[in-house]
Amino acid sequence: MNLTLQMRKLSGEYREKIRLKLREKAILRTKARLIENRIEIDELSDEEIEVVIKDEEDKILDEYKTKGIIALLALLGISWI
């Protein structure tokens, strides 16, 4: 196996690990969100739960993107405000 294929395999493995960690974090946030709103998980269908988890995943990704942009601007010496 050449180096390029090995690198693609590694990056795919890392992507999967990141995706799983993101999913775990989104599930925890979903549970907290349901508890805050006093909603039992049994009251929701599988599709509704999936929508809430996907929403939390999107929020987490947006937070990471925003933090990344702010960090980049800071490295470049550009003020956010």
PDB file of N, CA and C in Angstrom:
ATOM      1  N   MET A   1       0.851  -1.175   0.000  1.00  0.00           N
ATOM      2  CA  MET A   1       0.000   0.000   0.000  1.00  0.00           C
ATOM      3  C   MET A   1       0.895   1.236   0.000  1.00  0.00           C
ATOM      4  N   ASN A   2       0.610   2.163  -0.912  1.00  0.00           N
ATOM      5  CA  ASN A   2       1.461   3.340  -0.974  1.00  0.00           C
ATOM      6  C   ASN A   2       1.066   4.375   0.088  1.00  0.00           C
ATOM      7  N   LEU A   3       1.897   5.367   0.240  1.00  0.00           N
ATOM      8  CA  LEU A   3       1.725   6.367   1.289  1.00  0.00           C
ATOM      9  C   LEU A   3       0.422   7.157   1.129  1.00  0.00           C
ATOM     10  N   THR A   4       0.044   7.475  -0.091  1.00  0.00           N
ATOM     11  CA  THR A   4      -1.183   8.235  -0.334  1.00  0.00           C
ATOM     12  C   THR A   4      -2.409   7.484   0.166  1.00  0.00           C
ATOM     13  N   LEU A   5      -2.473   6.188  -0.128  1.00  0.00           N
ATOM     14  CA  LEU A   5      -3.603   5.392   0.337  1.00  0.00           C
ATOM     15  C   LEU A   5      -3.612   5.279   1.853  1.00  0.00           C
ATOM     16  N   GLN A   6      -2.429   5.153   2.452  1.00  0.00           N
ATOM     17  CA  GLN A   6      -2.347   5.092   3.909  1.00  0.00           C
ATOM     18  C   GLN A   6      -2.833   6.400   4.532  1.00  0.00           C
ATOM     19  N   MET A   7      -2.468   7.536   3.937  1.00  0.00           N
ATOM     20  CA  MET A   7      -2.886   8.842   4.448  1.00  0.00           C
ATOM     21  C   MET A   7      -4.403   9.008   4.332  1.00  0.00           C
ATOM     22  N   ARG A   8      -4.973   8.563   3.228  1.00  0.00           N
ATOM     23  CA  ARG A   8      -6.424   8.649   3.057  1.00  0.00           C
ATOM     24  C   ARG A   8      -7.136   7.794   4.096  1.00  0.00           C
ATOM     25  N   LYS A   9      -6.590   6.609   4.349  1.00  0.00           N
ATOM     26  CA  LYS A   9      -7.188   5.712   5.337  1.00  0.00           C
ATOM     27  C   LYS A   9      -7.127   6.355   6.722  1.00  0.00           C
ATOM     28  N   LEU A  10      -5.984   6.932   7.072  1.00  0.00           N
ATOM     29  CA  LEU A  10      -5.841   7.593   8.374  1.00  0.00           C
ATOM     30  C   LEU A  10      -6.801   8.766   8.502  1.00  0.00           C
ATOM     31  N   SER A  11      -6.864   9.581   7.476  1.00  0.00           N
ATOM     32  CA  SER A  11      -7.744  10.734   7.562  1.00  0.00           C
ATOM     33  C   SER A  11      -9.204  10.288   7.663  1.00  0.00           C
ATOM     34  N   GLY A  12      -9.560   9.198   7.003  1.00  0.00           N
ATOM     35  CA  GLY A  12     -10.913   8.663   7.102  1.00  0.00           C
ATOM     36  C   GLY A  12     -11.207   8.150   8.501  1.00  0.00           C
ATOM     37  N   GLU A  13     -10.212   7.502   9.108  1.00  0.00           N
ATOM     38  CA  GLU A  13     -10.374   7.009  10.472  1.00  0.00           C
ATOM     39  C   GLU A  13     -10.546   8.176  11.444  1.00  0.00           C
ATOM     40  N   TYR A  14      -9.751   9.220  11.271  1.00  0.00           N
ATOM     41  CA  TYR A  14      -9.861  10.388  12.142  1.00  0.00           C
ATOM     42  C   TYR A  14     -11.199  11.090  11.949  1.00  0.00           C
ATOM     43  N   ARG A  15     -11.637  11.184  10.702  1.00  0.00           N
ATOM     44  CA  ARG A  15     -12.935  11.801  10.434  1.00  0.00           C
ATOM     45  C   ARG A  15     -14.047  11.055  11.145  1.00  0.00           C
ATOM     46  N   GLU A  16     -13.971   9.735  11.112  1.00  0.00           N
ATOM     47  CA  GLU A  16     -14.992   8.913  11.767  1.00  0.00           C
ATOM     48  C   GLU A  16     -14.951   9.102  13.283  1.00  0.00           C
ATOM     49  N   LYS A  17     -13.751   9.159  13.853  1.00  0.00           N
ATOM     50  CA  LYS A  17     -13.627   9.389  15.294  1.00  0.00           C
ATOM     51  C   LYS A  17     -14.196  10.749  15.680  1.00  0.00           C
ATOM     52  N   ILE A  18     -13.902  11.754  14.891  1.00  0.00           N
ATOM     53  CA  ILE A  18     -14.417  13.097  15.160  1.00  0.00           C
ATOM     54  C   ILE A  18     -15.936  13.113  15.048  1.00  0.00           C
ATOM     55  N   ARG A  19     -16.451  12.442  14.014  1.00  0.00           N
ATOM     56  CA  ARG A  19     -17.899  12.393  13.823  1.00  0.00           C
ATOM     57  C   ARG A  19     -18.577  11.706  15.009  1.00  0.00           C
ATOM     58  N   LEU A  20     -17.977  10.633  15.509  1.00  0.00           N
ATOM     59  CA  LEU A  20     -18.550   9.924  16.657  1.00  0.00           C
ATOM     60  C   LEU A  20     -18.516  10.781  17.923  1.00  0.00           C
ATOM     61  N   LYS A  21     -17.419  11.497  18.138  1.00  0.00           N
ATOM     62  CA  LYS A  21     -17.319  12.379  19.311  1.00  0.00           C
ATOM     63  C   LYS A  21     -18.349  13.501  19.217  1.00  0.00           C
ATOM     64  N   LEU A  22     -18.512  14.046  18.022  1.00  0.00           N
ATOM     65  CA  LEU A  22     -19.508  15.091  17.802  1.00  0.00           C
ATOM     66  C   LEU A  22     -20.900  14.559  18.096  1.00  0.00           C
ATOM     67  N   ARG A  23     -21.177  13.356  17.640  1.00  0.00           N
ATOM     68  CA  ARG A  23     -22.484  12.728  17.865  1.00  0.00           C
ATOM     69  C   ARG A  23     -22.728  12.501  19.358  1.00  0.00           C
ATOM     70  N   GLU A  24     -21.700  12.009  20.077  1.00  0.00           N
ATOM     71  CA  GLU A  24     -21.828  11.781  21.519  1.00  0.00           C
ATOM     72  C   GLU A  24     -22.137  13.086  22.253  1.00  0.00           C
ATOM     73  N   LYS A  25     -21.427  14.139  21.888  1.00  0.00           N
ATOM     74  CA  LYS A  25     -21.647  15.436  22.525  1.00  0.00           C
ATOM     75  C   LYS A  25     -23.056  15.953  22.215  1.00  0.00           C
ATOM     76  N   ALA A  26     -23.500  15.766  20.988  1.00  0.00           N
ATOM     77  CA  ALA A  26     -24.843  16.198  20.599  1.00  0.00           C
ATOM     78  C   ALA A  26     -25.913  15.415  21.349  1.00  0.00           C
ATOM     79  N   ILE A  27     -25.692  14.138  21.567  1.00  0.00           N
ATOM     80  CA  ILE A  27     -26.657  13.318  22.306  1.00  0.00           C
ATOM     81  C   ILE A  27     -26.743  13.793  23.753  1.00  0.00           C
ATOM     82  N   LEU A  28     -25.594  14.091  24.366  1.00  0.00           N
ATOM     83  CA  LEU A  28     -25.606  14.614  25.740  1.00  0.00           C
ATOM     84  C   LEU A  28     -26.356  15.938  25.824  1.00  0.00           C
ATOM     85  N   ARG A  29     -26.110  16.815  24.853  1.00  0.00           N
ATOM     86  CA  ARG A  29     -26.818  18.098  24.836  1.00  0.00           C
ATOM     87  C   ARG A  29     -28.316  17.903  24.617  1.00  0.00           C
ATOM     88  N   THR A  30     -28.658  16.924  23.798  1.00  0.00           N
ATOM     89  CA  THR A  30     -30.072  16.640  23.552  1.00  0.00           C
ATOM     90  C   THR A  30     -30.751  16.179  24.826  1.00  0.00           C
ATOM     91  N   LYS A  31     -30.096  15.284  25.556  1.00  0.00           N
ATOM     92  CA  LYS A  31     -30.656  14.815  26.826  1.00  0.00           C
ATOM     93  C   LYS A  31     -30.856  15.983  27.783  1.00  0.00           C
ATOM     94  N   ALA A  32     -29.868  16.855  27.872  1.00  0.00           N
ATOM     95  CA  ALA A  32     -29.975  18.023  28.754  1.00  0.00           C
ATOM     96  C   ALA A  32     -31.107  18.938  28.311  1.00  0.00           C
ATOM     97  N   ARG A  33     -31.232  19.126  27.004  1.00  0.00           N
ATOM     98  CA  ARG A  33     -32.293  19.984  26.455  1.00  0.00           C
ATOM     99  C   ARG A  33     -33.675  19.426  26.791  1.00  0.00           C
ATOM    100  N   LEU A  34     -33.822  18.112  26.676  1.00  0.00           N
ATOM    101  CA  LEU A  34     -35.106  17.479  26.991  1.00  0.00           C
ATOM    102  C   LEU A  34     -35.420  17.597  28.482  1.00  0.00           C
ATOM    103  N   ILE A  35     -34.398  17.423  29.323  1.00  0.00           N
ATOM    104  CA  ILE A  35     -34.603  17.552  30.759  1.00  0.00           C
ATOM    105  C   ILE A  35     -35.004  18.979  31.117  1.00  0.00           C
ATOM    106  N   GLU A  36     -34.327  19.958  30.533  1.00  0.00           N
ATOM    107  CA  GLU A  36     -34.651  21.368  30.794  1.00  0.00           C
ATOM    108  C   GLU A  36     -36.099  21.681  30.434  1.00  0.00           C
ATOM    109  N   ASN A  37     -36.565  21.079  29.366  1.00  0.00           N
ATOM    110  CA  ASN A  37     -37.927  21.334  28.894  1.00  0.00           C
ATOM    111  C   ASN A  37     -38.942  20.340  29.456  1.00  0.00           C
ATOM    112  N   ARG A  38     -38.474  19.499  30.372  1.00  0.00           N
ATOM    113  CA  ARG A  38     -39.324  18.494  31.019  1.00  0.00           C
ATOM    114  C   ARG A  38     -40.067  17.610  30.010  1.00  0.00           C
ATOM    115  N   ILE A  39     -39.310  17.142  29.039  1.00  0.00           N
ATOM    116  CA  ILE A  39     -39.862  16.264  28.008  1.00  0.00           C
ATOM    117  C   ILE A  39     -39.239  14.886  28.185  1.00  0.00           C
ATOM    118  N   GLU A  40     -40.074  13.871  28.265  1.00  0.00           N
ATOM    119  CA  GLU A  40     -39.590  12.495  28.357  1.00  0.00           C
ATOM    120  C   GLU A  40     -39.214  12.022  26.963  1.00  0.00           C
ATOM    121  N   ILE A  41     -38.110  11.319  26.863  1.00  0.00           N
ATOM    122  CA  ILE A  41     -37.642  10.838  25.564  1.00  0.00           C
ATOM    123  C   ILE A  41     -38.646   9.875  24.935  1.00  0.00           C
ATOM    124  N   ASP A  42     -39.420   9.190  25.782  1.00  0.00           N
ATOM    125  CA  ASP A  42     -40.432   8.253  25.275  1.00  0.00           C
ATOM    126  C   ASP A  42     -41.574   8.967  24.555  1.00  0.00           C
ATOM    127  N   GLU A  43     -41.727  10.266  24.809  1.00  0.00           N
ATOM    128  CA  GLU A  43     -42.796  11.043  24.182  1.00  0.00           C
ATOM    129  C   GLU A  43     -42.480  11.378  22.726  1.00  0.00           C
ATOM    130  N   LEU A  44     -41.211  11.246  22.338  1.00  0.00           N
ATOM    131  CA  LEU A  44     -40.789  11.626  20.995  1.00  0.00           C
ATOM    132  C   LEU A  44     -40.599  10.399  20.110  1.00  0.00           C
ATOM    133  N   SER A  45     -40.880  10.580  18.835  1.00  0.00           N
ATOM    134  CA  SER A  45     -40.626   9.505  17.873  1.00  0.00           C
ATOM    135  C   SER A  45     -39.129   9.475  17.547  1.00  0.00           C
ATOM    136  N   ASP A  46     -38.687   8.406  16.930  1.00  0.00           N
ATOM    137  CA  ASP A  46     -37.283   8.300  16.530  1.00  0.00           C
ATOM    138  C   ASP A  46     -36.890   9.438  15.594  1.00  0.00           C
ATOM    139  N   GLU A  47     -37.785   9.806  14.703  1.00  0.00           N
ATOM    140  CA  GLU A  47     -37.503  10.885  13.759  1.00  0.00           C
ATOM    141  C   GLU A  47     -37.345  12.217  14.481  1.00  0.00           C
ATOM    142  N   GLU A  48     -38.190  12.470  15.462  1.00  0.00           N
ATOM    143  CA  GLU A  48     -38.103  13.718  16.220  1.00  0.00           C
ATOM    144  C   GLU A  48     -36.803  13.785  17.025  1.00  0.00           C
ATOM    145  N   ILE A  49     -36.421  12.678  17.609  1.00  0.00           N
ATOM    146  CA  ILE A  49     -35.162  12.628  18.356  1.00  0.00           C
ATOM    147  C   ILE A  49     -33.991  12.886  17.422  1.00  0.00           C
ATOM    148  N   GLU A  50     -34.024  12.285  16.249  1.00  0.00           N
ATOM    149  CA  GLU A  50     -32.956  12.464  15.274  1.00  0.00           C
ATOM    150  C   GLU A  50     -32.840  13.929  14.853  1.00  0.00           C
ATOM    151  N   VAL A  51     -33.978  14.597  14.691  1.00  0.00           N
ATOM    152  CA  VAL A  51     -33.976  16.012  14.309  1.00  0.00           C
ATOM    153  C   VAL A  51     -33.327  16.858  15.408  1.00  0.00           C
ATOM    154  N   VAL A  52     -33.663  16.569  16.660  1.00  0.00           N
ATOM    155  CA  VAL A  52     -33.093  17.328  17.773  1.00  0.00           C
ATOM    156  C   VAL A  52     -31.584  17.092  17.873  1.00  0.00           C
ATOM    157  N   ILE A  53     -31.162  15.843  17.708  1.00  0.00           N
ATOM    158  CA  ILE A  53     -29.726  15.528  17.754  1.00  0.00           C
ATOM    159  C   ILE A  53     -28.994  16.224  16.615  1.00  0.00           C
ATOM    160  N   LYS A  54     -29.559  16.192  15.413  1.00  0.00           N
ATOM    161  CA  LYS A  54     -28.943  16.853  14.258  1.00  0.00           C
ATOM    162  C   LYS A  54     -28.839  18.357  14.501  1.00  0.00           C
ATOM    163  N   ASP A  55     -29.849  18.956  15.110  1.00  0.00           N
ATOM    164  CA  ASP A  55     -29.812  20.372  15.439  1.00  0.00           C
ATOM    165  C   ASP A  55     -28.658  20.674  16.401  1.00  0.00           C
ATOM    166  N   GLU A  56     -28.478  19.818  17.391  1.00  0.00           N
ATOM    167  CA  GLU A  56     -27.386  20.005  18.344  1.00  0.00           C
ATOM    168  C   GLU A  56     -26.029  19.826  17.653  1.00  0.00           C
ATOM    169  N   GLU A  57     -25.918  18.868  16.742  1.00  0.00           N
ATOM    170  CA  GLU A  57     -24.671  18.688  15.988  1.00  0.00           C
ATOM    171  C   GLU A  57     -24.341  19.944  15.189  1.00  0.00           C
ATOM    172  N   ASP A  58     -25.353  20.516  14.545  1.00  0.00           N
ATOM    173  CA  ASP A  58     -25.143  21.734  13.762  1.00  0.00           C
ATOM    174  C   ASP A  58     -24.694  22.885  14.652  1.00  0.00           C
ATOM    175  N   LYS A  59     -25.296  23.011  15.832  1.00  0.00           N
ATOM    176  CA  LYS A  59     -24.896  24.065  16.770  1.00  0.00           C
ATOM    177  C   LYS A  59     -23.442  23.900  17.197  1.00  0.00           C
ATOM    178  N   ILE A  60     -23.046  22.664  17.498  1.00  0.00           N
ATOM    179  CA  ILE A  60     -21.669  22.398  17.919  1.00  0.00           C
ATOM    180  C   ILE A  60     -20.697  22.756  16.802  1.00  0.00           C
ATOM    181  N   LEU A  61     -21.007  22.345  15.575  1.00  0.00           N
ATOM    182  CA  LEU A  61     -20.141  22.667  14.438  1.00  0.00           C
ATOM    183  C   LEU A  61     -20.030  24.171  14.235  1.00  0.00           C
ATOM    184  N   ASP A  62     -21.137  24.892  14.373  1.00  0.00           N
ATOM    185  CA  ASP A  62     -21.112  26.350  14.243  1.00  0.00           C
ATOM    186  C   ASP A  62     -20.238  26.983  15.321  1.00  0.00           C
ATOM    187  N   GLU A  63     -20.321  26.455  16.548  1.00  0.00           N
ATOM    188  CA  GLU A  63     -19.480  26.965  17.630  1.00  0.00           C
ATOM    189  C   GLU A  63     -18.002  26.767  17.304  1.00  0.00           C
ATOM    190  N   TYR A  64     -17.646  25.579  16.809  1.00  0.00           N
ATOM    191  CA  TYR A  64     -16.253  25.299  16.463  1.00  0.00           C
ATOM    192  C   TYR A  64     -15.773  26.197  15.336  1.00  0.00           C
ATOM    193  N   LYS A  65     -16.625  26.421  14.346  1.00  0.00           N
ATOM    194  CA  LYS A  65     -16.251  27.292  13.228  1.00  0.00           C
ATOM    195  C   LYS A  65     -16.019  28.716  13.707  1.00  0.00           C
ATOM    196  N   THR A  66     -16.926  29.205  14.559  1.00  0.00           N
ATOM    197  CA  THR A  66     -16.798  30.564  15.080  1.00  0.00           C
ATOM    198  C   THR A  66     -15.514  30.703  15.892  1.00  0.00           C
ATOM    199  N   LYS A  67     -15.252  29.736  16.758  1.00  0.00           N
ATOM    200  CA  LYS A  67     -14.033  29.773  17.568  1.00  0.00           C
ATOM    201  C   LYS A  67     -12.798  29.725  16.686  1.00  0.00           C
ATOM    202  N   GLY A  68     -12.860  28.937  15.625  1.00  0.00           N
ATOM    203  CA  GLY A  68     -11.728  28.846  14.699  1.00  0.00           C
ATOM    204  C   GLY A  68     -11.468  30.156  13.993  1.00  0.00           C
ATOM    205  N   ILE A  69     -12.522  30.832  13.582  1.00  0.00           N
ATOM    206  CA  ILE A  69     -12.374  32.120  12.907  1.00  0.00           C
ATOM    207  C   ILE A  69     -11.793  33.152  13.866  1.00  0.00           C
ATOM    208  N   ILE A  70     -12.302  33.179  15.097  1.00  0.00           N
ATOM    209  CA  ILE A  70     -11.803  34.122  16.098  1.00  0.00           C
ATOM    210  C   ILE A  70     -10.331  33.852  16.388  1.00  0.00           C
ATOM    211  N   ALA A  71      -9.956  32.588  16.512  1.00  0.00           N
ATOM    212  CA  ALA A  71      -8.555  32.239  16.760  1.00  0.00           C
ATOM    213  C   ALA A  71      -7.670  32.666  15.596  1.00  0.00           C
ATOM    214  N   LEU A  72      -8.140  32.465  14.383  1.00  0.00           N
ATOM    215  CA  LEU A  72      -7.376  32.875  13.210  1.00  0.00           C
ATOM    216  C   LEU A  72      -7.186  34.386  13.185  1.00  0.00           C
ATOM    217  N   LEU A  73      -8.251  35.120  13.465  1.00  0.00           N
ATOM    218  CA  LEU A  73      -8.144  36.579  13.495  1.00  0.00           C
ATOM    219  C   LEU A  73      -7.176  37.032  14.580  1.00  0.00           C
ATOM    220  N   ALA A  74      -7.214  36.366  15.724  1.00  0.00           N
ATOM    221  CA  ALA A  74      -6.310  36.703  16.817  1.00  0.00           C
ATOM    222  C   ALA A  74      -4.856  36.456  16.400  1.00  0.00           C
ATOM    223  N   LEU A  75      -4.618  35.339  15.713  1.00  0.00           N
ATOM    224  CA  LEU A  75      -3.266  35.047  15.242  1.00  0.00           C
ATOM    225  C   LEU A  75      -2.781  36.103  14.243  1.00  0.00           C
ATOM    226  N   LEU A  76      -3.699  36.623  13.465  1.00  0.00           N
ATOM    227  CA  LEU A  76      -3.344  37.640  12.487  1.00  0.00           C
ATOM    228  C   LEU A  76      -3.321  39.036  13.097  1.00  0.00           C
ATOM    229  N   GLY A  77      -3.704  39.155  14.356  1.00  0.00           N
ATOM    230  CA  GLY A  77      -3.685  40.442  15.042  1.00  0.00           C
ATOM    231  C   GLY A  77      -4.845  41.333  14.678  1.00  0.00           C
ATOM    232  N   ILE A  78      -5.928  40.731  14.248  1.00  0.00           N
ATOM    233  CA  ILE A  78      -7.114  41.490  13.843  1.00  0.00           C
ATOM    234  C   ILE A  78      -8.129  41.420  14.969  1.00  0.00           C
ATOM    235  N   SER A  79      -8.650  42.557  15.373  1.00  0.00           N
ATOM    236  CA  SER A  79      -9.637  42.598  16.432  1.00  0.00           C
ATOM    237  C   SER A  79     -10.999  42.142  15.891  1.00  0.00           C
ATOM    238  N   TRP A  80     -11.754  41.415  16.707  1.00  0.00           N
ATOM    239  CA  TRP A  80     -13.078  40.936  16.314  1.00  0.00           C
ATOM    240  C   TRP A  80     -14.065  42.093  16.251  1.00  0.00           C
ATOM    241  N   ILE A  81     -13.884  43.050  17.122  1.00  0.00           N
ATOM    242  CA  ILE A  81     -14.843  44.179  17.179  1.00  0.00           C
ATOM    243  C   ILE A  81     -14.384  45.317  16.318  1.00  0.00           C
TER     244      ILE A  81
END
